[in-house]
Amino acid sequence: MLLELKEVSVRYRGAERNAVDRVSFSVEENQIVSIVGHNGAGKSTLIQAIMQDIHYAGQITYGFPEKELYKWIRVQTQTSTFEKKAKVKDMVQLYIQLTDSRETVEALLESVQMQDFKHAYLEKLSGGEKQKIAVLLATIGSPKLIILDELTTGLDVVSRRMIWDLLNKIRRDKGISILLTSHFLDEVEYLSDDVIILERGAVKQHGTVGELVEHAFDRSKLATSLTDSSFRYADLRYKYTKHKNKLMIEYRVEQERDVFDNLQACGGYDIRLQQRTFEEAFLKLIGYQLDEKGETK
């Protein structure tokens, strides 16, 4: 166990309720744990408590001496800033010296495929390239845990995927655990061993992606079909919802063949049978739904 929180609460002076309310979870070795929730759910406050930067009630236990907190846990945010006119090689060398690491600039840059940027100025890098360097700096000195707070916000799809691959590589090659906060549910689904859903400072749900999806939908799936004026609703044997000409049926796995055959017999077309996604589960668990435009309602 690297990190364990038991009944951790934080209340700011003058506030009517806790910003973090009796939160409990743990992070094990070589594990990626994600914390998700709306803005104001308490994610950043929780990180401050873990780093002993804010007063809290409850108990936080570390798998190493607490006085070595900043040696073994590193925090990196989406707003990483670097010294103007600093070059990539100089920043990496500085972190090597600060952490008394035996790693070399060349080996570290090669590990994240950034060796061609060794002499580049940091301010000239793209957003994705800057974040790769930010993640790399957080790993120098081989910490046990890195905390990444909204690291890929503002990056394009390609850059985000690049960061995801880097995080998996870091865990695989260095055995570093990661505590991640993110608004991107596809990111959480792709990376996480364990997920904590925060709502108004409290743990709403906690489990693996698969467990959360199963909890939200009880192993049900979703059938969608397009319809036209000739569709025979009288012959449809399943409860449905409809938006314009798109019909949706929630069904159990064992009903799949019959649902498909029934929709086809009624005149449905472009029939799709889909697993429920983590995004759908998250929205349902916190009381939201997506409309046809992908917006919450």
C-alpha atoms as a PDB file:
ATOM      1  CA  MET A   1       0.000   0.000   0.000  1.00  0.00           C
ATOM      2  CA  LEU A   2       1.409   3.368  -1.052  1.00  0.00           C
ATOM      3  CA  LEU A   3      -1.375   5.617   0.125  1.00  0.00           C
ATOM      4  CA  GLU A   4      -4.477   5.143   2.259  1.00  0.00           C
ATOM      5  CA  LEU A   5      -7.143   7.681   3.179  1.00  0.00           C
ATOM      6  CA  LYS A   6      -9.648   7.002   5.942  1.00  0.00           C
ATOM      7  CA  GLU A   7     -12.616   9.311   6.523  1.00  0.00           C
ATOM      8  CA  VAL A   8     -10.730  12.390   5.263  1.00  0.00           C
ATOM      9  CA  SER A   9     -12.698  15.648   5.447  1.00  0.00           C
ATOM     10  CA  VAL A  10     -11.817  19.253   4.645  1.00  0.00           C
ATOM     11  CA  ARG A  11     -13.904  22.341   5.386  1.00  0.00           C
ATOM     12  CA  TYR A  12     -12.780  25.833   4.445  1.00  0.00           C
ATOM     13  CA  ARG A  13     -13.264  28.600   6.952  1.00  0.00           C
ATOM     14  CA  GLY A  14     -16.740  30.099   6.696  1.00  0.00           C
ATOM     15  CA  ALA A  15     -18.056  27.302   4.444  1.00  0.00           C
ATOM     16  CA  GLU A  16     -21.434  25.701   5.165  1.00  0.00           C
ATOM     17  CA  ARG A  17     -20.358  22.221   4.116  1.00  0.00           C
ATOM     18  CA  ASN A  18     -17.226  20.144   3.701  1.00  0.00           C
ATOM     19  CA  ALA A  19     -15.257  20.524   0.475  1.00  0.00           C
ATOM     20  CA  VAL A  20     -14.140  16.931   1.045  1.00  0.00           C
ATOM     21  CA  ASP A  21     -16.467  14.754   3.106  1.00  0.00           C
ATOM     22  CA  ARG A  22     -15.266  11.511   4.748  1.00  0.00           C
ATOM     23  CA  VAL A  23     -13.365  10.192   1.734  1.00  0.00           C
ATOM     24  CA  SER A  24     -11.698   6.778   1.996  1.00  0.00           C
ATOM     25  CA  PHE A  25      -9.658   4.907  -0.615  1.00  0.00           C
ATOM     26  CA  SER A  26      -6.183   3.501  -1.184  1.00  0.00           C
ATOM     27  CA  VAL A  27      -3.569   3.354  -3.922  1.00  0.00           C
ATOM     28  CA  GLU A  28      -1.522   0.182  -4.306  1.00  0.00           C
ATOM     29  CA  GLU A  29       1.847  -0.335  -5.977  1.00  0.00           C
ATOM     30  CA  ASN A  30       1.864  -0.253  -9.784  1.00  0.00           C
ATOM     31  CA  GLN A  31      -1.741   0.943  -9.942  1.00  0.00           C
ATOM     32  CA  ILE A  32      -3.541   3.761 -11.769  1.00  0.00           C
ATOM     33  CA  VAL A  33      -6.417   5.245  -9.762  1.00  0.00           C
ATOM     34  CA  SER A  34      -8.621   7.972 -11.240  1.00  0.00           C
ATOM     35  CA  ILE A  35     -10.749  10.533  -9.406  1.00  0.00           C
ATOM     36  CA  VAL A  36     -13.616  11.980 -11.439  1.00  0.00           C
ATOM     37  CA  GLY A  37     -16.381  14.472 -10.728  1.00  0.00           C
ATOM     38  CA  HIS A  38     -17.734  17.850 -11.744  1.00  0.00           C
ATOM     39  CA  ASN A  39     -15.846  21.076 -11.113  1.00  0.00           C
ATOM     40  CA  GLY A  40     -16.101  21.754  -7.401  1.00  0.00           C
ATOM     41  CA  ALA A  41     -16.462  18.070  -6.508  1.00  0.00           C
ATOM     42  CA  GLY A  42     -13.366  18.285  -4.287  1.00  0.00           C
ATOM     43  CA  LYS A  43     -10.677  16.701  -6.463  1.00  0.00           C
ATOM     44  CA  SER A  44      -8.018  19.419  -6.114  1.00  0.00           C
ATOM     45  CA  THR A  45      -8.756  19.882  -2.406  1.00  0.00           C
ATOM     46  CA  LEU A  46      -8.214  16.163  -1.909  1.00  0.00           C
ATOM     47  CA  ILE A  47      -4.803  16.399  -3.582  1.00  0.00           C
ATOM     48  CA  GLN A  48      -3.872  19.272  -1.256  1.00  0.00           C
ATOM     49  CA  ALA A  49      -4.768  17.109   1.725  1.00  0.00           C
ATOM     50  CA  ILE A  50      -2.693  14.193   0.422  1.00  0.00           C
ATOM     51  CA  MET A  51       0.292  16.533   0.037  1.00  0.00           C
ATOM     52  CA  GLN A  52      -0.258  17.940   3.560  1.00  0.00           C
ATOM     53  CA  ASP A  53      -0.844  21.427   2.125  1.00  0.00           C
ATOM     54  CA  ILE A  54      -4.179  21.918   3.899  1.00  0.00           C
ATOM     55  CA  HIS A  55      -5.672  21.071   7.275  1.00  0.00           C
ATOM     56  CA  TYR A  56      -7.943  18.015   7.264  1.00  0.00           C
ATOM     57  CA  ALA A  57      -9.764  15.667   9.602  1.00  0.00           C
ATOM     58  CA  GLY A  58      -9.385  11.901   9.306  1.00  0.00           C
ATOM     59  CA  GLN A  59      -6.296   9.842   8.581  1.00  0.00           C
ATOM     60  CA  ILE A  60      -3.839   9.679   5.671  1.00  0.00           C
ATOM     61  CA  THR A  61      -1.251   6.905   5.797  1.00  0.00           C
ATOM     62  CA  TYR A  62       1.752   6.609   3.488  1.00  0.00           C
ATOM     63  CA  GLY A  63       3.775   3.538   2.563  1.00  0.00           C
ATOM     64  CA  PHE A  64       6.948   5.422   3.480  1.00  0.00           C
ATOM     65  CA  PRO A  65       8.011   7.902   6.191  1.00  0.00           C
ATOM     66  CA  GLU A  66       5.794  10.990   6.006  1.00  0.00           C
ATOM     67  CA  LYS A  67       8.836  13.260   6.256  1.00  0.00           C
ATOM     68  CA  GLU A  68       9.886  11.890   2.827  1.00  0.00           C
ATOM     69  CA  LEU A  69       6.533  12.814   1.274  1.00  0.00           C
ATOM     70  CA  TYR A  70       7.956  15.070  -1.442  1.00  0.00           C
ATOM     71  CA  LYS A  71      10.605  12.518  -2.321  1.00  0.00           C
ATOM     72  CA  TRP A  72       8.171   9.720  -3.030  1.00  0.00           C
ATOM     73  CA  ILE A  73       5.088  11.604  -4.305  1.00  0.00           C
ATOM     74  CA  ARG A  74       5.204  14.134  -7.143  1.00  0.00           C
ATOM     75  CA  VAL A  75       2.387  16.357  -8.385  1.00  0.00           C
ATOM     76  CA  GLN A  76       2.011  17.634 -11.920  1.00  0.00           C
ATOM     77  CA  THR A  77      -0.832  19.833 -13.174  1.00  0.00           C
ATOM     78  CA  GLN A  78      -2.196  21.047 -16.504  1.00  0.00           C
ATOM     79  CA  THR A  79      -0.709  24.498 -15.850  1.00  0.00           C
ATOM     80  CA  SER A  80       2.950  23.499 -15.854  1.00  0.00           C
ATOM     81  CA  THR A  81       5.133  26.558 -16.361  1.00  0.00           C
ATOM     82  CA  PHE A  82       8.805  26.662 -17.211  1.00  0.00           C
ATOM     83  CA  GLU A  83      11.490  29.301 -17.039  1.00  0.00           C
ATOM     84  CA  LYS A  84      11.571  31.436 -20.164  1.00  0.00           C
ATOM     85  CA  LYS A  85      14.453  30.640 -22.497  1.00  0.00           C
ATOM     86  CA  ALA A  86      15.027  27.327 -20.697  1.00  0.00           C
ATOM     87  CA  LYS A  87      16.014  24.445 -22.932  1.00  0.00           C
ATOM     88  CA  VAL A  88      14.707  20.906 -22.565  1.00  0.00           C
ATOM     89  CA  LYS A  89      18.117  19.482 -21.673  1.00  0.00           C
ATOM     90  CA  ASP A  90      18.722  22.135 -19.011  1.00  0.00           C
ATOM     91  CA  MET A  91      15.397  21.514 -17.274  1.00  0.00           C
ATOM     92  CA  VAL A  92      15.901  17.759 -17.255  1.00  0.00           C
ATOM     93  CA  GLN A  93      19.437  18.176 -15.906  1.00  0.00           C
ATOM     94  CA  LEU A  94      18.168  20.483 -13.168  1.00  0.00           C
ATOM     95  CA  TYR A  95      15.673  17.856 -11.967  1.00  0.00           C
ATOM     96  CA  ILE A  96      18.379  15.190 -12.054  1.00  0.00           C
ATOM     97  CA  GLN A  97      20.500  17.329  -9.750  1.00  0.00           C
ATOM     98  CA  LEU A  98      17.599  18.241  -7.442  1.00  0.00           C
ATOM     99  CA  THR A  99      16.645  14.589  -6.931  1.00  0.00           C
ATOM    100  CA  ASP A 100      20.238  13.233  -6.780  1.00  0.00           C
ATOM    101  CA  SER A 101      19.303  10.878  -9.586  1.00  0.00           C
ATOM    102  CA  ARG A 102      21.843   8.779 -11.477  1.00  0.00           C
ATOM    103  CA  GLU A 103      19.789   8.984 -14.660  1.00  0.00           C
ATOM    104  CA  THR A 104      21.132  10.812 -17.689  1.00  0.00           C
ATOM    105  CA  VAL A 105      19.493  13.470 -19.829  1.00  0.00           C
ATOM    106  CA  GLU A 106      19.945  11.340 -22.935  1.00  0.00           C
ATOM    107  CA  ALA A 107      18.384   8.204 -21.450  1.00  0.00           C
ATOM    108  CA  LEU A 108      15.447  10.086 -19.965  1.00  0.00           C
ATOM    109  CA  LEU A 109      14.609  11.919 -23.194  1.00  0.00           C
ATOM    110  CA  GLU A 110      14.931   8.701 -25.163  1.00  0.00           C
ATOM    111  CA  SER A 111      12.459   6.998 -22.781  1.00  0.00           C
ATOM    112  CA  VAL A 112       9.742   9.444 -23.889  1.00  0.00           C
ATOM    113  CA  GLN A 113      10.934   9.753 -27.502  1.00  0.00           C
ATOM    114  CA  MET A 114      11.945  13.376 -27.033  1.00  0.00           C
ATOM    115  CA  GLN A 115      15.676  13.104 -27.746  1.00  0.00           C
ATOM    116  CA  ASP A 116      15.289  15.193 -30.912  1.00  0.00           C
ATOM    117  CA  PHE A 117      14.066  18.085 -28.721  1.00  0.00           C
ATOM    118  CA  LYS A 118      17.104  18.091 -26.437  1.00  0.00           C
ATOM    119  CA  HIS A 119      18.266  21.570 -27.509  1.00  0.00           C
ATOM    120  CA  ALA A 120      14.784  23.018 -28.057  1.00  0.00           C
ATOM    121  CA  TYR A 121      13.383  25.849 -25.956  1.00  0.00           C
ATOM    122  CA  LEU A 122      10.518  24.665 -23.769  1.00  0.00           C
ATOM    123  CA  GLU A 123       8.375  27.664 -24.667  1.00  0.00           C
ATOM    124  CA  LYS A 124       8.553  26.635 -28.336  1.00  0.00           C
ATOM    125  CA  LEU A 125       7.160  23.127 -27.746  1.00  0.00           C
ATOM    126  CA  SER A 126       3.590  22.168 -28.563  1.00  0.00           C
ATOM    127  CA  GLY A 127       1.107  21.553 -25.746  1.00  0.00           C
ATOM    128  CA  GLY A 128       1.503  17.786 -26.006  1.00  0.00           C
ATOM    129  CA  GLU A 129       5.295  17.990 -26.079  1.00  0.00           C
ATOM    130  CA  LYS A 130       5.325  20.239 -22.997  1.00  0.00           C
ATOM    131  CA  GLN A 131       3.142  17.798 -21.110  1.00  0.00           C
ATOM    132  CA  LYS A 132       5.394  14.890 -22.067  1.00  0.00           C
ATOM    133  CA  ILE A 133       8.298  16.789 -20.554  1.00  0.00           C
ATOM    134  CA  ALA A 134       6.180  17.655 -17.495  1.00  0.00           C
ATOM    135  CA  VAL A 135       5.362  13.981 -16.934  1.00  0.00           C
ATOM    136  CA  LEU A 136       9.000  13.025 -17.488  1.00  0.00           C
ATOM    137  CA  LEU A 137      10.175  15.553 -14.881  1.00  0.00           C
ATOM    138  CA  ALA A 138       7.711  14.107 -12.367  1.00  0.00           C
ATOM    139  CA  THR A 139       9.287  10.663 -12.751  1.00  0.00           C
ATOM    140  CA  ILE A 140      12.926  11.676 -12.297  1.00  0.00           C
ATOM    141  CA  GLY A 141      14.368  10.191  -9.119  1.00  0.00           C
ATOM    142  CA  SER A 142      11.947   7.244  -9.303  1.00  0.00           C
ATOM    143  CA  PRO A 143       9.112   8.373  -7.023  1.00  0.00           C
ATOM    144  CA  LYS A 144       6.589   5.785  -5.890  1.00  0.00           C
ATOM    145  CA  LEU A 145       3.511   7.805  -6.881  1.00  0.00           C
ATOM    146  CA  ILE A 146       2.813  10.689  -9.244  1.00  0.00           C
ATOM    147  CA  ILE A 147      -0.380  12.739  -9.022  1.00  0.00           C
ATOM    148  CA  LEU A 148      -1.570  14.179 -12.327  1.00  0.00           C
ATOM    149  CA  ASP A 149      -4.252  16.849 -12.014  1.00  0.00           C
ATOM    150  CA  GLU A 150      -6.174  17.399 -15.277  1.00  0.00           C
ATOM    151  CA  LEU A 151      -2.982  16.838 -17.237  1.00  0.00           C
ATOM    152  CA  THR A 152      -4.492  16.524 -20.733  1.00  0.00           C
ATOM    153  CA  THR A 153      -7.012  19.368 -20.548  1.00  0.00           C
ATOM    154  CA  GLY A 154      -6.570  21.632 -23.581  1.00  0.00           C
ATOM    155  CA  LEU A 155      -4.714  19.043 -25.657  1.00  0.00           C
ATOM    156  CA  ASP A 156      -5.920  17.715 -28.982  1.00  0.00           C
ATOM    157  CA  VAL A 157      -6.934  14.073 -29.421  1.00  0.00           C
ATOM    158  CA  VAL A 158      -3.564  12.965 -30.795  1.00  0.00           C
ATOM    159  CA  SER A 159      -1.655  14.639 -27.967  1.00  0.00           C
ATOM    160  CA  ARG A 160      -3.931  13.111 -25.356  1.00  0.00           C
ATOM    161  CA  ARG A 161      -3.376   9.631 -26.776  1.00  0.00           C
ATOM    162  CA  MET A 162       0.345  10.296 -26.750  1.00  0.00           C
ATOM    163  CA  ILE A 163       0.179  11.118 -23.028  1.00  0.00           C
ATOM    164  CA  TRP A 164      -1.906   8.003 -22.314  1.00  0.00           C
ATOM    165  CA  ASP A 165       0.705   5.796 -23.969  1.00  0.00           C
ATOM    166  CA  LEU A 166       3.418   7.533 -21.979  1.00  0.00           C
ATOM    167  CA  LEU A 167       1.630   6.942 -18.670  1.00  0.00           C
ATOM    168  CA  ASN A 168       1.203   3.239 -19.392  1.00  0.00           C
ATOM    169  CA  LYS A 169       4.867   3.030 -20.378  1.00  0.00           C
ATOM    170  CA  ILE A 170       5.943   4.729 -17.132  1.00  0.00           C
ATOM    171  CA  ARG A 171       3.942   2.278 -15.069  1.00  0.00           C
ATOM    172  CA  ARG A 172       5.224  -0.688 -17.040  1.00  0.00           C
ATOM    173  CA  ASP A 173       8.906   0.329 -17.136  1.00  0.00           C
ATOM    174  CA  LYS A 174       9.305   2.086 -13.786  1.00  0.00           C
ATOM    175  CA  GLY A 175       6.574   0.555 -11.665  1.00  0.00           C
ATOM    176  CA  ILE A 176       5.304   4.008 -10.631  1.00  0.00           C
ATOM    177  CA  SER A 177       1.711   4.282  -9.434  1.00  0.00           C
ATOM    178  CA  ILE A 178      -0.455   7.128 -10.725  1.00  0.00           C
ATOM    179  CA  LEU A 179      -3.310   9.056  -9.124  1.00  0.00           C
ATOM    180  CA  LEU A 180      -5.153  10.849 -11.902  1.00  0.00           C
ATOM    181  CA  THR A 181      -7.897  13.467 -11.946  1.00  0.00           C
ATOM    182  CA  SER A 182      -9.625  14.022 -15.269  1.00  0.00           C
ATOM    183  CA  HIS A 183     -12.777  15.323 -16.944  1.00  0.00           C
ATOM    184  CA  PHE A 184     -12.194  12.993 -19.908  1.00  0.00           C
ATOM    185  CA  LEU A 185     -14.153   9.817 -19.267  1.00  0.00           C
ATOM    186  CA  ASP A 186     -12.567   7.974 -22.200  1.00  0.00           C
ATOM    187  CA  GLU A 187      -9.184   8.720 -20.626  1.00  0.00           C
ATOM    188  CA  VAL A 188     -10.332   7.336 -17.286  1.00  0.00           C
ATOM    189  CA  GLU A 189     -11.801   4.226 -18.945  1.00  0.00           C
ATOM    190  CA  TYR A 190      -8.602   3.579 -20.919  1.00  0.00           C
ATOM    191  CA  LEU A 191      -6.100   4.039 -18.089  1.00  0.00           C
ATOM    192  CA  SER A 192      -7.689   3.175 -14.769  1.00  0.00           C
ATOM    193  CA  ASP A 193      -7.479   0.110 -12.563  1.00  0.00           C
ATOM    194  CA  ASP A 194      -9.775   1.794 -10.056  1.00  0.00           C
ATOM    195  CA  VAL A 195     -12.116   4.803 -10.226  1.00  0.00           C
ATOM    196  CA  ILE A 196     -13.470   7.079  -7.497  1.00  0.00           C
ATOM    197  CA  ILE A 197     -16.507   9.190  -8.415  1.00  0.00           C
ATOM    198  CA  LEU A 198     -16.735  12.296  -6.236  1.00  0.00           C
ATOM    199  CA  GLU A 199     -19.914  14.320  -5.865  1.00  0.00           C
ATOM    200  CA  ARG A 200     -20.073  17.352  -3.566  1.00  0.00           C
ATOM    201  CA  GLY A 201     -16.890  16.200  -1.837  1.00  0.00           C
ATOM    202  CA  ALA A 202     -18.085  12.677  -1.023  1.00  0.00           C
ATOM    203  CA  VAL A 203     -17.440   9.317  -2.679  1.00  0.00           C
ATOM    204  CA  LYS A 204     -20.512   8.576  -4.793  1.00  0.00           C
ATOM    205  CA  GLN A 205     -19.180   5.319  -6.232  1.00  0.00           C
ATOM    206  CA  HIS A 206     -15.874   3.444  -6.145  1.00  0.00           C
ATOM    207  CA  GLY A 207     -14.749   0.459  -8.196  1.00  0.00           C
ATOM    208  CA  THR A 208     -13.261  -0.706 -11.473  1.00  0.00           C
ATOM    209  CA  VAL A 209     -14.680   0.637 -14.734  1.00  0.00           C
ATOM    210  CA  GLY A 210     -16.415  -2.699 -15.311  1.00  0.00           C
ATOM    211  CA  GLU A 211     -17.923  -2.734 -11.821  1.00  0.00           C
ATOM    212  CA  LEU A 212     -19.253   0.802 -12.175  1.00  0.00           C
ATOM    213  CA  VAL A 213     -20.836   0.063 -15.552  1.00  0.00           C
ATOM    214  CA  GLU A 214     -22.415  -3.121 -14.164  1.00  0.00           C
ATOM    215  CA  HIS A 215     -23.669  -1.273 -11.090  1.00  0.00           C
ATOM    216  CA  ALA A 216     -25.258   1.449 -13.207  1.00  0.00           C
ATOM    217  CA  PHE A 217     -26.912  -0.824 -15.771  1.00  0.00           C
ATOM    218  CA  ASP A 218     -27.055  -4.263 -14.128  1.00  0.00           C
ATOM    219  CA  ARG A 219     -25.380  -5.883 -17.163  1.00  0.00           C
ATOM    220  CA  SER A 220     -27.943  -4.490 -19.597  1.00  0.00           C
ATOM    221  CA  LYS A 221     -27.086  -3.475 -23.164  1.00  0.00           C
ATOM    222  CA  LEU A 222     -28.594  -0.962 -25.578  1.00  0.00           C
ATOM    223  CA  ALA A 223     -30.161  -1.635 -28.953  1.00  0.00           C
ATOM    224  CA  THR A 224     -30.703   1.238 -31.369  1.00  0.00           C
ATOM    225  CA  SER A 225     -32.600   1.176 -34.638  1.00  0.00           C
ATOM    226  CA  LEU A 226     -33.643   3.717 -37.217  1.00  0.00           C
ATOM    227  CA  THR A 227     -37.309   3.703 -38.189  1.00  0.00           C
ATOM    228  CA  ASP A 228     -39.507   5.126 -40.916  1.00  0.00           C
ATOM    229  CA  SER A 229     -43.248   5.505 -41.454  1.00  0.00           C
ATOM    230  CA  SER A 230     -43.663   1.795 -42.193  1.00  0.00           C
ATOM    231  CA  PHE A 231     -42.266   0.631 -38.832  1.00  0.00           C
ATOM    232  CA  ARG A 232     -44.789  -1.683 -37.088  1.00  0.00           C
ATOM    233  CA  TYR A 233     -44.827  -0.518 -33.475  1.00  0.00           C
ATOM    234  CA  ALA A 234     -47.737  -2.814 -32.666  1.00  0.00           C
ATOM    235  CA  ASP A 235     -45.466  -5.833 -33.193  1.00  0.00           C
ATOM    236  CA  LEU A 236     -42.622  -4.515 -30.993  1.00  0.00           C
ATOM    237  CA  ARG A 237     -42.406  -6.598 -27.815  1.00  0.00           C
ATOM    238  CA  TYR A 238     -39.994  -4.369 -25.860  1.00  0.00           C
ATOM    239  CA  LYS A 239     -40.297  -1.082 -24.010  1.00  0.00           C
ATOM    240  CA  TYR A 240     -38.554   1.642 -25.943  1.00  0.00           C
ATOM    241  CA  THR A 241     -37.648   5.317 -26.029  1.00  0.00           C
ATOM    242  CA  LYS A 242     -37.493   7.334 -29.209  1.00  0.00           C
ATOM    243  CA  HIS A 243     -35.857  10.511 -30.480  1.00  0.00           C
ATOM    244  CA  LYS A 244     -36.926  11.565 -33.967  1.00  0.00           C
ATOM    245  CA  ASN A 245     -36.504   8.400 -36.044  1.00  0.00           C
ATOM    246  CA  LYS A 246     -34.066   6.668 -33.676  1.00  0.00           C
ATOM    247  CA  LEU A 247     -35.532   4.008 -31.393  1.00  0.00           C
ATOM    248  CA  MET A 248     -33.689   2.712 -28.300  1.00  0.00           C
ATOM    249  CA  ILE A 249     -34.293  -0.443 -26.239  1.00  0.00           C
ATOM    250  CA  GLU A 250     -32.481  -1.400 -23.042  1.00  0.00           C
ATOM    251  CA  TYR A 251     -32.254  -5.184 -22.776  1.00  0.00           C
ATOM    252  CA  ARG A 252     -30.581  -8.068 -20.950  1.00  0.00           C
ATOM    253  CA  VAL A 253     -27.752  -9.987 -22.592  1.00  0.00           C
ATOM    254  CA  GLU A 254     -29.824 -13.166 -22.929  1.00  0.00           C
ATOM    255  CA  GLN A 255     -32.463 -11.197 -24.891  1.00  0.00           C
ATOM    256  CA  GLU A 256     -30.048 -10.009 -27.559  1.00  0.00           C
ATOM    257  CA  ARG A 257     -31.011 -12.340 -30.419  1.00  0.00           C
ATOM    258  CA  ASP A 258     -34.739 -11.845 -29.837  1.00  0.00           C
ATOM    259  CA  VAL A 259     -34.396  -8.054 -29.635  1.00  0.00           C
ATOM    260  CA  PHE A 260     -32.504  -7.969 -32.921  1.00  0.00           C
ATOM    261  CA  ASP A 261     -34.963 -10.292 -34.664  1.00  0.00           C
ATOM    262  CA  ASN A 262     -37.958  -8.358 -33.308  1.00  0.00           C
ATOM    263  CA  LEU A 263     -36.591  -4.995 -34.477  1.00  0.00           C
ATOM    264  CA  GLN A 264     -35.811  -6.411 -37.886  1.00  0.00           C
ATOM    265  CA  ALA A 265     -39.281  -7.980 -38.203  1.00  0.00           C
ATOM    266  CA  CYS A 266     -40.890  -4.646 -37.290  1.00  0.00           C
ATOM    267  CA  GLY A 267     -39.058  -2.909 -40.129  1.00  0.00           C
ATOM    268  CA  GLY A 268     -36.148  -1.370 -38.229  1.00  0.00           C
ATOM    269  CA  TYR A 269     -32.871  -0.753 -40.029  1.00  0.00           C
ATOM    270  CA  ASP A 270     -29.284   0.190 -39.142  1.00  0.00           C
ATOM    271  CA  ILE A 271     -29.781  -1.889 -35.968  1.00  0.00           C
ATOM    272  CA  ARG A 272     -26.923  -1.663 -33.472  1.00  0.00           C
ATOM    273  CA  LEU A 273     -26.367  -3.690 -30.294  1.00  0.00           C
ATOM    274  CA  GLN A 274     -24.063  -1.859 -27.927  1.00  0.00           C
ATOM    275  CA  GLN A 275     -22.284  -2.398 -24.631  1.00  0.00           C
ATOM    276  CA  ARG A 276     -22.943   0.380 -22.130  1.00  0.00           C
ATOM    277  CA  THR A 277     -19.983   2.743 -21.793  1.00  0.00           C
ATOM    278  CA  PHE A 278     -18.296   4.199 -18.746  1.00  0.00           C
ATOM    279  CA  GLU A 279     -19.451   7.639 -19.859  1.00  0.00           C
ATOM    280  CA  GLU A 280     -23.077   6.486 -19.775  1.00  0.00           C
ATOM    281  CA  ALA A 281     -22.521   4.854 -16.377  1.00  0.00           C
ATOM    282  CA  PHE A 282     -20.908   7.978 -14.927  1.00  0.00           C
ATOM    283  CA  LEU A 283     -23.726  10.217 -16.112  1.00  0.00           C
ATOM    284  CA  LYS A 284     -26.377   7.846 -14.772  1.00  0.00           C
ATOM    285  CA  LEU A 285     -24.668   7.389 -11.407  1.00  0.00           C
ATOM    286  CA  ILE A 286     -24.543  11.139 -10.797  1.00  0.00           C
ATOM    287  CA  GLY A 287     -28.049  11.698 -12.120  1.00  0.00           C
ATOM    288  CA  TYR A 288     -27.441  12.986 -15.639  1.00  0.00           C
ATOM    289  CA  GLN A 289     -28.283  11.706 -19.103  1.00  0.00           C
ATOM    290  CA  LEU A 290     -26.947  12.516 -22.557  1.00  0.00           C
ATOM    291  CA  ASP A 291     -29.284  13.768 -25.223  1.00  0.00           C
ATOM    292  CA  GLU A 292     -28.855  13.047 -28.917  1.00  0.00           C
ATOM    293  CA  LYS A 293     -26.393  15.908 -29.271  1.00  0.00           C
ATOM    294  CA  GLY A 294     -24.143  14.416 -26.593  1.00  0.00           C
ATOM    295  CA  GLU A 295     -25.067  17.117 -24.097  1.00  0.00           C
ATOM    296  CA  THR A 296     -26.083  16.510 -20.480  1.00  0.00           C
ATOM    297  CA  LYS A 297     -29.702  16.964 -19.453  1.00  0.00           C
END
